[in-house]
Amino acid sequence: MSKRREIVDSRGRVWAIAKVAWKEAEEEDFRFWYEGLTPEQRVEAVGEALEGCLKTRGIDAIPRLRRIHRRIKCAWGSVSRDRRPRGRFPRSSARH
């Protein structure tokens, strides 16, 4: 079992500290993210974690993501240059 404490810092934020055995760490991490937080809190936490990671690399803010459109164009097309369907050969009539 883990030993938990809550600490309030000078700004009034509440920090929860838990001492967990190494073998139980993965289960405790799962429990924190999926049982302890709402989906909105998880999204905010990921954004804050990304911002903290970027700050360690000297970037002050999360860069604005650009909208990227990708259009995949096949090397072959269903219609050839002379506008006839590819792969079709004229068939002789069934009546001989």
C-alpha atoms as a PDB file:
ATOM      1  CA  MET A   1       0.000   0.000   0.000  1.00  0.00           C
ATOM      2  CA  SER A   2       1.162   3.548  -0.586  1.00  0.00           C
ATOM      3  CA  LYS A   3       1.631   6.308   1.950  1.00  0.00           C
ATOM      4  CA  ARG A   4       0.014   9.606   0.855  1.00  0.00           C
ATOM      5  CA  ARG A   5       0.377  13.212   1.977  1.00  0.00           C
ATOM      6  CA  GLU A   6      -1.035  16.490   0.742  1.00  0.00           C
ATOM      7  CA  ILE A   7       1.045  19.653   0.915  1.00  0.00           C
ATOM      8  CA  VAL A   8      -0.133  23.228   0.260  1.00  0.00           C
ATOM      9  CA  ASP A   9       2.529  25.534  -1.209  1.00  0.00           C
ATOM     10  CA  SER A  10       2.872  29.310  -0.822  1.00  0.00           C
ATOM     11  CA  ARG A  11       0.617  29.948  -3.851  1.00  0.00           C
ATOM     12  CA  GLY A  12      -2.189  27.860  -2.380  1.00  0.00           C
ATOM     13  CA  ARG A  13      -1.763  24.897  -4.723  1.00  0.00           C
ATOM     14  CA  VAL A  14      -2.291  21.463  -3.247  1.00  0.00           C
ATOM     15  CA  TRP A  15       0.306  18.796  -4.053  1.00  0.00           C
ATOM     16  CA  ALA A  16      -0.374  15.131  -3.386  1.00  0.00           C
ATOM     17  CA  ILE A  17       2.684  13.025  -2.594  1.00  0.00           C
ATOM     18  CA  ALA A  18       2.649   9.247  -2.473  1.00  0.00           C
ATOM     19  CA  LYS A  19       5.451   6.871  -1.550  1.00  0.00           C
ATOM     20  CA  VAL A  20       4.911   3.729  -3.610  1.00  0.00           C
ATOM     21  CA  ALA A  21       6.803   0.451  -3.816  1.00  0.00           C
ATOM     22  CA  TRP A  22       8.592  -0.028  -7.145  1.00  0.00           C
ATOM     23  CA  LYS A  23       6.512  -3.131  -7.966  1.00  0.00           C
ATOM     24  CA  GLU A  24       3.262  -1.200  -7.501  1.00  0.00           C
ATOM     25  CA  ALA A  25       4.338   1.938  -9.379  1.00  0.00           C
ATOM     26  CA  GLU A  26       2.748   1.055 -12.723  1.00  0.00           C
ATOM     27  CA  GLU A  27      -0.615   0.209 -11.137  1.00  0.00           C
ATOM     28  CA  GLU A  28      -0.517   3.379  -9.052  1.00  0.00           C
ATOM     29  CA  ASP A  29       0.300   5.481 -12.138  1.00  0.00           C
ATOM     30  CA  PHE A  30      -2.631   3.939 -14.011  1.00  0.00           C
ATOM     31  CA  ARG A  31      -4.894   4.574 -11.034  1.00  0.00           C
ATOM     32  CA  PHE A  32      -3.813   8.234 -10.860  1.00  0.00           C
ATOM     33  CA  TRP A  33      -4.405   8.981 -14.548  1.00  0.00           C
ATOM     34  CA  TYR A  34      -7.614   7.030 -15.156  1.00  0.00           C
ATOM     35  CA  GLU A  35      -9.391   6.876 -11.824  1.00  0.00           C
ATOM     36  CA  GLY A  36      -8.167  10.055 -10.158  1.00  0.00           C
ATOM     37  CA  LEU A  37      -8.675  12.541 -12.998  1.00  0.00           C
ATOM     38  CA  THR A  38     -11.576  13.469 -15.232  1.00  0.00           C
ATOM     39  CA  PRO A  39     -11.014  13.437 -19.011  1.00  0.00           C
ATOM     40  CA  GLU A  40     -10.763  17.245 -19.028  1.00  0.00           C
ATOM     41  CA  GLN A  41      -8.137  17.183 -16.285  1.00  0.00           C
ATOM     42  CA  ARG A  42      -6.142  14.567 -18.208  1.00  0.00           C
ATOM     43  CA  VAL A  43      -6.118  16.767 -21.332  1.00  0.00           C
ATOM     44  CA  GLU A  44      -4.968  19.770 -19.293  1.00  0.00           C
ATOM     45  CA  ALA A  45      -2.281  17.682 -17.565  1.00  0.00           C
ATOM     46  CA  VAL A  46      -0.849  16.521 -20.892  1.00  0.00           C
ATOM     47  CA  GLY A  47      -0.689  20.127 -22.113  1.00  0.00           C
ATOM     48  CA  GLU A  48       1.059  21.216 -18.917  1.00  0.00           C
ATOM     49  CA  ALA A  49       3.504  18.306 -19.169  1.00  0.00           C
ATOM     50  CA  LEU A  50       4.315  19.230 -22.778  1.00  0.00           C
ATOM     51  CA  GLU A  51       4.849  22.858 -21.810  1.00  0.00           C
ATOM     52  CA  GLY A  52       7.153  21.817 -18.949  1.00  0.00           C
ATOM     53  CA  CYS A  53       9.146  19.566 -21.256  1.00  0.00           C
ATOM     54  CA  LEU A  54       9.554  22.340 -23.831  1.00  0.00           C
ATOM     55  CA  LYS A  55      10.689  24.777 -21.124  1.00  0.00           C
ATOM     56  CA  THR A  56      13.516  22.403 -20.195  1.00  0.00           C
ATOM     57  CA  ARG A  57      14.659  22.695 -23.815  1.00  0.00           C
ATOM     58  CA  GLY A  58      14.534  26.495 -23.811  1.00  0.00           C
ATOM     59  CA  ILE A  59      11.174  26.952 -25.572  1.00  0.00           C
ATOM     60  CA  ASP A  60       8.857  29.265 -23.628  1.00  0.00           C
ATOM     61  CA  ALA A  61       5.493  28.235 -25.063  1.00  0.00           C
ATOM     62  CA  ILE A  62       3.844  25.482 -27.037  1.00  0.00           C
ATOM     63  CA  PRO A  63       4.213  26.332 -30.732  1.00  0.00           C
ATOM     64  CA  ARG A  64       1.049  26.977 -32.674  1.00  0.00           C
ATOM     65  CA  LEU A  65       0.155  23.924 -34.670  1.00  0.00           C
ATOM     66  CA  ARG A  66      -0.361  24.606 -38.337  1.00  0.00           C
ATOM     67  CA  ARG A  67      -3.124  22.980 -40.274  1.00  0.00           C
ATOM     68  CA  ILE A  68      -1.552  20.560 -42.677  1.00  0.00           C
ATOM     69  CA  HIS A  69      -3.318  19.033 -45.635  1.00  0.00           C
ATOM     70  CA  ARG A  70      -1.859  16.049 -47.388  1.00  0.00           C
ATOM     71  CA  ARG A  71      -3.072  14.857 -50.726  1.00  0.00           C
ATOM     72  CA  ILE A  72      -1.773  11.516 -51.787  1.00  0.00           C
ATOM     73  CA  LYS A  73      -1.507  11.157 -55.524  1.00  0.00           C
ATOM     74  CA  CYS A  74      -1.095   7.702 -56.976  1.00  0.00           C
ATOM     75  CA  ALA A  75       1.577   7.128 -59.601  1.00  0.00           C
ATOM     76  CA  TRP A  76      -1.032   5.389 -61.682  1.00  0.00           C
ATOM     77  CA  GLY A  77      -4.527   6.538 -62.422  1.00  0.00           C
ATOM     78  CA  SER A  78      -7.702   4.772 -63.415  1.00  0.00           C
ATOM     79  CA  VAL A  79      -7.822   6.753 -66.667  1.00  0.00           C
ATOM     80  CA  SER A  80      -4.910   6.967 -69.089  1.00  0.00           C
ATOM     81  CA  ARG A  81      -3.757  10.153 -70.824  1.00  0.00           C
ATOM     82  CA  ASP A  82      -5.957   9.562 -73.836  1.00  0.00           C
ATOM     83  CA  ARG A  83      -8.925   9.329 -71.422  1.00  0.00           C
ATOM     84  CA  ARG A  84      -9.599   5.605 -71.932  1.00  0.00           C
ATOM     85  CA  PRO A  85      -9.935   3.314 -68.945  1.00  0.00           C
ATOM     86  CA  ARG A  86      -6.775   1.370 -68.157  1.00  0.00           C
ATOM     87  CA  GLY A  87      -6.693  -2.379 -68.242  1.00  0.00           C
ATOM     88  CA  ARG A  88      -9.654  -2.763 -70.582  1.00  0.00           C
ATOM     89  CA  PHE A  89      -9.200  -4.376 -73.915  1.00  0.00           C
ATOM     90  CA  PRO A  90     -11.833  -4.259 -76.600  1.00  0.00           C
ATOM     91  CA  ARG A  91     -13.836  -7.456 -76.419  1.00  0.00           C
ATOM     92  CA  SER A  92     -15.092  -9.282 -79.360  1.00  0.00           C
ATOM     93  CA  SER A  93     -18.806  -9.738 -79.423  1.00  0.00           C
ATOM     94  CA  ALA A  94     -20.240 -12.939 -77.999  1.00  0.00           C
ATOM     95  CA  ARG A  95     -22.047 -13.575 -81.255  1.00  0.00           C
ATOM     96  CA  HIS A  96     -19.716 -15.149 -83.861  1.00  0.00           C
END
